[in-house]
Protein backbone atom coordinates (compact mmCIF):
# COMPACT_ATOMS: atom_id res chain seq x y z
CA MET A 1 -37.12 6.49 37.62
CA ALA A 2 -34.16 7.75 36.06
CA GLU A 3 -34.77 8.45 32.12
CA VAL A 4 -32.22 6.57 29.75
CA LYS A 5 -31.65 8.58 26.85
CA GLN A 6 -30.34 6.24 23.78
CA GLU A 7 -28.31 8.36 21.66
CA GLN A 8 -27.84 7.00 17.95
CA PRO A 9 -24.61 5.80 17.56
CA ALA A 10 -24.21 6.86 14.06
CA ALA A 11 -24.19 10.44 15.47
CA GLU A 12 -21.31 9.42 17.27
CA LYS A 13 -19.07 8.01 14.55
CA LYS A 14 -17.52 10.89 13.00
CA ASP A 15 -14.26 10.43 13.79
CA GLU A 16 -14.13 6.57 12.57
CA PRO A 17 -12.45 5.73 9.05
CA ILE A 18 -14.49 5.66 6.04
CA THR A 19 -16.19 2.53 5.66
CA LEU A 20 -15.68 -0.10 2.52
CA THR A 21 -19.06 1.02 1.12
CA GLU A 22 -18.02 4.56 1.11
CA LYS A 23 -14.76 3.96 -0.53
CA ILE A 24 -16.26 2.10 -3.13
CA VAL A 25 -18.51 5.24 -3.90
CA THR A 26 -16.05 7.47 -3.67
CA ALA A 27 -13.55 5.67 -6.28
CA ILE A 28 -16.58 5.20 -8.74
CA LEU A 29 -17.17 8.82 -8.62
CA ILE A 30 -13.66 9.66 -9.02
CA ALA A 31 -13.16 7.18 -11.86
CA TYR A 32 -16.26 8.54 -13.53
CA VAL A 33 -15.40 12.12 -13.39
CA ILE A 34 -12.01 10.92 -14.64
CA SER A 35 -13.32 9.25 -17.64
CA LEU A 36 -15.57 12.18 -18.78
CA ILE A 37 -12.57 14.48 -18.43
CA TRP A 38 -10.75 11.64 -20.45
CA LEU A 39 -13.56 11.23 -23.19
CA ALA A 40 -14.40 14.87 -23.56
CA GLY A 41 -10.43 15.64 -24.09
CA SER A 42 -9.93 12.66 -26.59
CA SER A 43 -12.87 13.41 -28.78
CA HIS A 44 -11.63 16.36 -30.96
CA TRP A 45 -14.64 18.75 -29.21
CA PHE A 46 -12.36 21.04 -27.33
CA GLY A 47 -9.08 20.54 -29.17
CA ILE A 48 -7.18 19.77 -25.55
CA TRP A 49 -5.43 16.59 -27.05
């Protein structure tokens, strides 16, 4: 009897485009970083603007 190896499909999906969840998480992280920079700059802590 030949053994059938079932590989996980997640390991083979490296070339697929990013999913909607990953897009949402990335957008939230970028917006968070931008808001931190804007808040730090808008308050006169560093005198950026």
